[in-house]
N, C-alpha and C. Protein backbone atom coordinates (compact mmCIF):
# COMPACT_ATOMS: atom_id res chain seq x y z
N MET A 1 -17.24 31.62 91.92
CA MET A 1 -17.26 31.39 90.47
C MET A 1 -16.04 30.55 90.08
N GLU A 2 -16.29 29.56 89.29
CA GLU A 2 -15.23 28.66 88.87
C GLU A 2 -14.31 29.35 87.85
N ALA A 3 -13.05 28.98 87.88
CA ALA A 3 -12.08 29.58 86.95
C ALA A 3 -12.41 29.16 85.52
N CYS A 4 -12.08 30.03 84.59
CA CYS A 4 -12.30 29.73 83.17
C CYS A 4 -11.37 28.61 82.74
N LEU A 5 -11.84 27.86 81.76
CA LEU A 5 -11.03 26.76 81.23
C LEU A 5 -9.93 27.29 80.32
N GLN A 6 -8.87 26.54 80.25
CA GLN A 6 -7.79 26.81 79.32
C GLN A 6 -7.94 25.84 78.14
N LYS A 7 -7.42 26.23 77.01
CA LYS A 7 -7.48 25.39 75.81
C LYS A 7 -6.89 24.01 76.09
N GLU A 8 -5.76 23.96 76.79
CA GLU A 8 -5.07 22.70 77.07
C GLU A 8 -5.96 21.76 77.90
N THR A 9 -6.74 22.32 78.82
CA THR A 9 -7.63 21.52 79.66
C THR A 9 -8.67 20.81 78.80
N ILE A 10 -9.22 21.53 77.84
CA ILE A 10 -10.25 20.97 76.95
C ILE A 10 -9.62 19.86 76.10
N ILE A 11 -8.46 20.12 75.52
CA ILE A 11 -7.78 19.13 74.68
C ILE A 11 -7.47 17.87 75.49
N LYS A 12 -6.92 18.04 76.68
CA LYS A 12 -6.55 16.89 77.52
C LYS A 12 -7.78 16.07 77.90
N ALA A 13 -8.89 16.73 78.18
CA ALA A 13 -10.11 16.01 78.57
C ALA A 13 -10.59 15.10 77.44
N PHE A 14 -10.57 15.60 76.20
CA PHE A 14 -11.00 14.78 75.08
C PHE A 14 -9.99 13.67 74.79
N GLU A 15 -8.70 13.95 74.95
CA GLU A 15 -7.69 12.90 74.77
C GLU A 15 -7.86 11.81 75.82
N ARG A 16 -8.10 12.20 77.05
CA ARG A 16 -8.27 11.24 78.14
C ARG A 16 -9.46 10.31 77.86
N GLU A 17 -10.51 10.86 77.30
CA GLU A 17 -11.70 10.07 76.98
C GLU A 17 -11.53 9.28 75.68
N GLN A 18 -10.47 9.56 74.96
CA GLN A 18 -10.19 8.93 73.66
C GLN A 18 -11.35 9.08 72.68
N LEU A 19 -11.94 10.26 72.72
CA LEU A 19 -13.01 10.58 71.77
C LEU A 19 -12.36 11.12 70.50
N HIS A 20 -12.83 10.65 69.37
CA HIS A 20 -12.28 11.11 68.10
C HIS A 20 -12.96 12.41 67.71
N VAL A 21 -12.28 13.49 68.00
CA VAL A 21 -12.79 14.82 67.68
C VAL A 21 -11.67 15.64 67.06
N GLU A 22 -12.06 16.68 66.38
CA GLU A 22 -11.09 17.63 65.85
C GLU A 22 -11.24 18.90 66.68
N ILE A 23 -10.12 19.41 67.18
CA ILE A 23 -10.15 20.59 68.04
C ILE A 23 -9.36 21.72 67.39
N ASN A 24 -10.03 22.86 67.22
CA ASN A 24 -9.39 24.03 66.63
C ASN A 24 -9.72 25.26 67.46
N GLU A 25 -8.98 26.31 67.21
CA GLU A 25 -9.28 27.60 67.83
C GLU A 25 -9.72 28.53 66.71
N ASN A 26 -10.88 29.18 66.89
CA ASN A 26 -11.32 30.09 65.83
C ASN A 26 -10.70 31.47 66.04
N LYS A 27 -11.00 32.38 65.12
CA LYS A 27 -10.35 33.70 65.16
C LYS A 27 -10.74 34.53 66.39
N ASN A 28 -11.84 34.15 67.05
CA ASN A 28 -12.26 34.86 68.27
C ASN A 28 -11.64 34.26 69.53
N GLY A 29 -10.80 33.23 69.35
CA GLY A 29 -10.17 32.60 70.50
C GLY A 29 -11.01 31.52 71.16
N ASN A 30 -12.16 31.18 70.55
CA ASN A 30 -13.00 30.12 71.08
C ASN A 30 -12.47 28.77 70.62
N ILE A 31 -12.70 27.75 71.43
CA ILE A 31 -12.28 26.40 71.07
C ILE A 31 -13.47 25.71 70.39
N VAL A 32 -13.22 25.17 69.21
CA VAL A 32 -14.25 24.52 68.42
C VAL A 32 -13.93 23.02 68.37
N VAL A 33 -14.85 22.22 68.87
CA VAL A 33 -14.67 20.77 68.89
C VAL A 33 -15.67 20.17 67.90
N SER A 34 -15.16 19.47 66.89
CA SER A 34 -16.01 18.87 65.86
C SER A 34 -15.95 17.36 65.96
N ARG A 35 -17.09 16.74 65.79
CA ARG A 35 -17.15 15.28 65.80
C ARG A 35 -17.94 14.84 64.58
N MET A 36 -17.30 14.01 63.75
CA MET A 36 -17.98 13.48 62.57
C MET A 36 -18.80 12.27 62.99
N CYS A 37 -20.06 12.25 62.59
CA CYS A 37 -20.95 11.12 62.88
C CYS A 37 -21.38 10.51 61.55
N GLU A 38 -21.75 9.24 61.60
CA GLU A 38 -22.20 8.56 60.38
C GLU A 38 -23.49 7.81 60.64
N LEU A 39 -24.35 7.81 59.63
CA LEU A 39 -25.50 6.94 59.62
C LEU A 39 -25.27 5.97 58.46
N TYR A 40 -25.33 4.68 58.76
CA TYR A 40 -24.98 3.66 57.77
C TYR A 40 -26.20 3.15 57.02
N LYS A 41 -25.93 2.65 55.82
CA LYS A 41 -26.99 2.12 54.96
C LYS A 41 -27.80 1.04 55.69
N HIS A 42 -27.12 0.15 56.43
CA HIS A 42 -27.83 -0.94 57.12
C HIS A 42 -28.71 -0.44 58.27
N GLN A 43 -28.55 0.84 58.65
CA GLN A 43 -29.41 1.40 59.69
C GLN A 43 -30.72 1.95 59.09
N VAL A 44 -30.74 2.07 57.77
CA VAL A 44 -31.91 2.62 57.09
C VAL A 44 -32.65 1.54 56.31
N PHE A 45 -31.90 0.60 55.72
CA PHE A 45 -32.50 -0.46 54.90
C PHE A 45 -32.27 -1.82 55.54
N ALA A 46 -33.34 -2.61 55.63
CA ALA A 46 -33.22 -3.96 56.20
C ALA A 46 -32.56 -4.90 55.19
N ASP A 47 -32.78 -4.63 53.90
CA ASP A 47 -32.17 -5.49 52.88
C ASP A 47 -30.89 -4.84 52.36
N ASP A 48 -30.03 -5.65 51.81
CA ASP A 48 -28.78 -5.13 51.27
C ASP A 48 -29.01 -4.73 49.82
N ARG A 49 -28.79 -3.48 49.53
CA ARG A 49 -28.97 -3.01 48.16
C ARG A 49 -27.74 -2.23 47.74
N PRO A 50 -27.46 -2.21 46.45
CA PRO A 50 -26.28 -1.47 45.98
C PRO A 50 -26.46 0.03 46.20
N TRP A 51 -25.35 0.68 46.43
CA TRP A 51 -25.37 2.13 46.64
C TRP A 51 -25.76 2.81 45.34
N ASP A 52 -26.74 3.69 45.41
CA ASP A 52 -27.11 4.51 44.26
C ASP A 52 -27.70 5.82 44.79
N ASP A 53 -28.18 6.66 43.87
CA ASP A 53 -28.71 7.97 44.27
C ASP A 53 -29.91 7.85 45.21
N ASN A 54 -30.75 6.82 44.99
CA ASN A 54 -31.93 6.65 45.85
C ASN A 54 -31.53 6.26 47.27
N VAL A 55 -30.53 5.39 47.39
CA VAL A 55 -30.03 4.99 48.71
C VAL A 55 -29.45 6.21 49.41
N GLU A 56 -28.63 6.95 48.68
CA GLU A 56 -28.01 8.16 49.23
C GLU A 56 -29.07 9.15 49.72
N LYS A 57 -30.10 9.37 48.90
CA LYS A 57 -31.16 10.31 49.27
C LYS A 57 -31.92 9.80 50.50
N ALA A 58 -32.20 8.51 50.56
CA ALA A 58 -32.95 7.96 51.69
C ALA A 58 -32.17 8.13 52.99
N ILE A 59 -30.86 7.89 52.95
CA ILE A 59 -30.04 8.04 54.16
C ILE A 59 -29.98 9.52 54.55
N LYS A 60 -29.76 10.38 53.57
CA LYS A 60 -29.71 11.83 53.85
C LYS A 60 -31.04 12.31 54.44
N ASP A 61 -32.15 11.83 53.88
CA ASP A 61 -33.47 12.21 54.40
C ASP A 61 -33.64 11.74 55.84
N LYS A 62 -33.18 10.52 56.12
CA LYS A 62 -33.31 10.00 57.49
C LYS A 62 -32.50 10.87 58.45
N VAL A 63 -31.32 11.29 58.04
CA VAL A 63 -30.50 12.17 58.89
C VAL A 63 -31.23 13.50 59.09
N SER A 64 -31.72 14.09 58.00
CA SER A 64 -32.35 15.42 58.07
C SER A 64 -33.69 15.40 58.81
N LEU A 65 -34.52 14.39 58.51
CA LEU A 65 -35.89 14.39 59.00
C LEU A 65 -36.09 13.66 60.32
N VAL A 66 -35.18 12.75 60.67
CA VAL A 66 -35.35 11.96 61.89
C VAL A 66 -34.20 12.21 62.87
N VAL A 67 -32.98 11.98 62.42
CA VAL A 67 -31.84 12.01 63.33
C VAL A 67 -31.61 13.41 63.90
N LYS A 68 -31.55 14.42 63.04
CA LYS A 68 -31.31 15.78 63.54
C LYS A 68 -32.38 16.24 64.54
N PRO A 69 -33.68 16.11 64.21
CA PRO A 69 -34.70 16.52 65.19
C PRO A 69 -34.61 15.70 66.49
N ASP A 70 -34.39 14.38 66.38
CA ASP A 70 -34.28 13.55 67.58
C ASP A 70 -33.08 13.98 68.43
N LEU A 71 -31.97 14.26 67.77
CA LEU A 71 -30.79 14.71 68.51
C LEU A 71 -31.05 16.04 69.20
N ARG A 72 -31.69 16.95 68.51
CA ARG A 72 -32.00 18.25 69.12
C ARG A 72 -32.87 18.06 70.38
N LYS A 73 -33.91 17.21 70.27
CA LYS A 73 -34.77 16.94 71.42
C LYS A 73 -33.97 16.34 72.57
N MET A 74 -33.14 15.35 72.25
CA MET A 74 -32.35 14.68 73.27
C MET A 74 -31.38 15.65 73.94
N ILE A 75 -30.76 16.51 73.15
CA ILE A 75 -29.80 17.48 73.68
C ILE A 75 -30.49 18.42 74.66
N VAL A 76 -31.70 18.87 74.32
CA VAL A 76 -32.44 19.76 75.21
C VAL A 76 -32.83 19.02 76.50
N GLN A 77 -33.32 17.78 76.37
CA GLN A 77 -33.74 17.01 77.53
C GLN A 77 -32.59 16.69 78.47
N GLU A 78 -31.40 16.50 77.93
CA GLU A 78 -30.24 16.15 78.74
C GLU A 78 -29.72 17.34 79.55
N GLN A 79 -30.20 18.53 79.24
CA GLN A 79 -29.62 19.72 79.85
C GLN A 79 -30.61 20.44 80.74
N SER A 80 -31.00 19.76 81.81
CA SER A 80 -31.95 20.38 82.73
C SER A 80 -31.25 21.33 83.70
N VAL A 81 -29.97 21.10 83.91
CA VAL A 81 -29.22 21.96 84.83
C VAL A 81 -28.01 22.56 84.11
N GLY A 82 -27.54 23.66 84.65
CA GLY A 82 -26.30 24.24 84.12
C GLY A 82 -26.50 25.02 82.84
N LYS A 83 -25.39 25.40 82.28
CA LYS A 83 -25.36 26.21 81.07
C LYS A 83 -25.67 25.32 79.86
N PRO A 84 -26.62 25.69 79.01
CA PRO A 84 -26.97 24.83 77.89
C PRO A 84 -25.83 24.70 76.88
N ILE A 85 -25.68 23.50 76.36
CA ILE A 85 -24.70 23.22 75.32
C ILE A 85 -25.52 23.14 74.03
N LYS A 86 -25.15 23.93 73.05
CA LYS A 86 -25.91 23.93 71.81
C LYS A 86 -25.00 23.57 70.65
N PRO A 87 -24.85 22.27 70.38
CA PRO A 87 -24.00 21.91 69.24
C PRO A 87 -24.68 22.30 67.94
N ILE A 88 -23.87 22.56 66.95
CA ILE A 88 -24.36 22.85 65.61
C ILE A 88 -24.29 21.54 64.84
N LEU A 89 -25.39 21.15 64.21
CA LEU A 89 -25.41 19.93 63.41
C LEU A 89 -25.39 20.33 61.94
N THR A 90 -24.39 19.87 61.23
CA THR A 90 -24.31 20.20 59.80
C THR A 90 -24.18 18.91 58.99
N LEU A 91 -24.91 18.85 57.89
CA LEU A 91 -24.81 17.69 57.00
C LEU A 91 -23.50 17.80 56.24
N ALA A 92 -22.79 16.70 56.15
CA ALA A 92 -21.52 16.71 55.41
C ALA A 92 -21.74 16.09 54.04
N GLY A 93 -21.96 14.79 53.98
CA GLY A 93 -22.19 14.19 52.67
C GLY A 93 -22.04 12.69 52.68
N PRO A 94 -22.22 12.09 51.51
CA PRO A 94 -22.18 10.63 51.41
C PRO A 94 -20.75 10.09 51.37
N LEU A 95 -20.59 8.91 51.93
CA LEU A 95 -19.35 8.15 51.82
C LEU A 95 -19.71 6.78 51.26
N PRO A 96 -19.91 6.67 49.94
CA PRO A 96 -20.36 5.39 49.36
C PRO A 96 -19.44 4.21 49.72
N LYS A 97 -18.14 4.44 49.81
CA LYS A 97 -17.23 3.33 50.12
C LYS A 97 -17.47 2.79 51.53
N ARG A 98 -18.01 3.63 52.42
CA ARG A 98 -18.30 3.19 53.79
C ARG A 98 -19.80 2.90 53.98
N ASN A 99 -20.56 3.04 52.88
CA ASN A 99 -22.01 2.83 52.95
C ASN A 99 -22.66 3.71 54.01
N SER A 100 -22.26 4.99 54.03
CA SER A 100 -22.79 5.87 55.06
C SER A 100 -22.95 7.30 54.56
N PHE A 101 -23.65 8.07 55.37
CA PHE A 101 -23.80 9.50 55.15
C PHE A 101 -23.30 10.18 56.41
N THR A 102 -22.49 11.19 56.25
CA THR A 102 -21.86 11.81 57.42
C THR A 102 -22.49 13.15 57.74
N PHE A 103 -22.39 13.49 59.01
CA PHE A 103 -22.77 14.82 59.47
C PHE A 103 -21.88 15.16 60.64
N ASP A 104 -21.75 16.45 60.89
CA ASP A 104 -20.85 16.91 61.94
C ASP A 104 -21.63 17.52 63.09
N LEU A 105 -21.12 17.26 64.28
CA LEU A 105 -21.59 17.95 65.48
C LEU A 105 -20.47 18.88 65.89
N VAL A 106 -20.77 20.15 66.04
CA VAL A 106 -19.76 21.12 66.39
C VAL A 106 -20.13 21.76 67.73
N PHE A 107 -19.19 21.67 68.67
CA PHE A 107 -19.38 22.26 70.00
C PHE A 107 -18.42 23.43 70.13
N MET A 108 -18.93 24.56 70.60
CA MET A 108 -18.10 25.76 70.75
C MET A 108 -17.88 26.03 72.23
N PHE A 109 -16.62 26.19 72.60
CA PHE A 109 -16.29 26.55 73.98
C PHE A 109 -15.77 27.98 73.99
N ARG A 110 -16.52 28.87 74.60
CA ARG A 110 -16.02 30.22 74.83
C ARG A 110 -15.27 30.14 76.15
N LEU A 111 -13.97 30.30 76.08
CA LEU A 111 -13.14 30.04 77.26
C LEU A 111 -13.60 30.82 78.49
N GLU A 112 -13.99 32.09 78.29
CA GLU A 112 -14.38 32.90 79.45
C GLU A 112 -15.71 32.44 80.06
N GLN A 113 -16.48 31.64 79.31
CA GLN A 113 -17.78 31.17 79.82
C GLN A 113 -17.78 29.68 80.13
N SER A 114 -16.70 28.98 79.83
CA SER A 114 -16.66 27.54 80.00
C SER A 114 -16.15 27.18 81.39
N SER A 115 -16.66 26.06 81.87
CA SER A 115 -16.23 25.56 83.18
C SER A 115 -15.99 24.06 83.06
N THR A 116 -15.45 23.49 84.11
CA THR A 116 -15.23 22.05 84.14
C THR A 116 -16.56 21.32 83.98
N GLN A 117 -17.62 21.86 84.57
CA GLN A 117 -18.94 21.23 84.47
C GLN A 117 -19.44 21.22 83.03
N VAL A 118 -19.28 22.34 82.32
CA VAL A 118 -19.69 22.41 80.91
C VAL A 118 -18.91 21.38 80.09
N LEU A 119 -17.62 21.26 80.35
CA LEU A 119 -16.77 20.30 79.64
C LEU A 119 -17.23 18.87 79.92
N GLU A 120 -17.46 18.54 81.18
CA GLU A 120 -17.93 17.19 81.54
C GLU A 120 -19.30 16.91 80.93
N ASP A 121 -20.19 17.90 80.97
CA ASP A 121 -21.52 17.72 80.39
C ASP A 121 -21.43 17.48 78.88
N THR A 122 -20.54 18.20 78.22
CA THR A 122 -20.36 18.03 76.77
C THR A 122 -19.87 16.63 76.44
N ILE A 123 -18.90 16.15 77.20
CA ILE A 123 -18.36 14.80 76.96
C ILE A 123 -19.47 13.75 77.18
N GLN A 124 -20.25 13.90 78.25
CA GLN A 124 -21.35 12.96 78.51
C GLN A 124 -22.38 13.02 77.40
N LEU A 125 -22.65 14.22 76.90
CA LEU A 125 -23.60 14.39 75.81
C LEU A 125 -23.11 13.67 74.56
N ILE A 126 -21.83 13.74 74.26
CA ILE A 126 -21.28 13.05 73.09
C ILE A 126 -21.47 11.54 73.23
N TYR A 127 -21.26 11.01 74.43
CA TYR A 127 -21.49 9.58 74.65
C TYR A 127 -22.96 9.21 74.43
N LYS A 128 -23.88 10.03 74.90
CA LYS A 128 -25.30 9.77 74.72
C LYS A 128 -25.67 9.84 73.23
N ILE A 129 -25.08 10.77 72.51
CA ILE A 129 -25.32 10.88 71.07
C ILE A 129 -24.82 9.63 70.37
N GLU A 130 -23.64 9.14 70.76
CA GLU A 130 -23.11 7.90 70.18
C GLU A 130 -24.04 6.72 70.42
N GLU A 131 -24.56 6.62 71.66
CA GLU A 131 -25.50 5.54 71.99
C GLU A 131 -26.75 5.64 71.13
N TYR A 132 -27.26 6.85 70.98
CA TYR A 132 -28.46 7.04 70.16
C TYR A 132 -28.19 6.62 68.71
N LEU A 133 -27.08 7.08 68.15
CA LEU A 133 -26.77 6.76 66.76
C LEU A 133 -26.61 5.25 66.56
N ALA A 134 -25.96 4.59 67.52
CA ALA A 134 -25.73 3.15 67.41
C ALA A 134 -27.05 2.37 67.50
N SER A 135 -28.08 2.97 68.12
CA SER A 135 -29.34 2.26 68.32
C SER A 135 -30.30 2.37 67.13
N ILE A 136 -29.97 3.18 66.14
CA ILE A 136 -30.87 3.38 64.99
C ILE A 136 -30.91 2.11 64.14
N LYS A 137 -32.12 1.65 63.90
CA LYS A 137 -32.34 0.44 63.09
C LYS A 137 -33.36 0.76 62.01
N PRO A 138 -33.36 -0.02 60.92
CA PRO A 138 -34.37 0.22 59.89
C PRO A 138 -35.77 -0.08 60.41
N VAL A 139 -36.76 0.62 59.87
CA VAL A 139 -38.15 0.38 60.31
C VAL A 139 -38.86 -0.55 59.37
C-alpha cells in the first residue's frame, strides 16, 4: 500500500504544474483544491453583442445544460482505473467585464485515502477539462 500524501506534496505538485488553483485545508483536515473556470461570450454567440441579462442567461444556461453534464461524462470516462475523482462543480456567476460566466471545480483530497496516482490523475483531469473548455464554440 502506498504511503498517504502530505499536504505539502499536493501543494508542490500543483505549483510544479503551474496550475492556477486555490488550495485550502478544511476543518476535517482534507485538502480542498479549487479551480475557477470560465465560459466566454464568444464561445456561446457567433456574433458580438453587448452584455445584457439575455446574454448572461444564455451563457449560464450553456454552462448548466451543456458544460456541466459534458464534464461529468468526461470525468467518468477518464477514470476507468484507480480511485474515482469526483470534483464538485458549482456555478459562481457572471463577470461582465471579462464577458464570461464562471464556475468552480472543487477537488477534495482526503489525505489518508490519497496517493501519488490520485494526485497525478487529478492533474491530468484538470488538463483535459481545460482542453474541453477551450474547444467550446458557438453552434
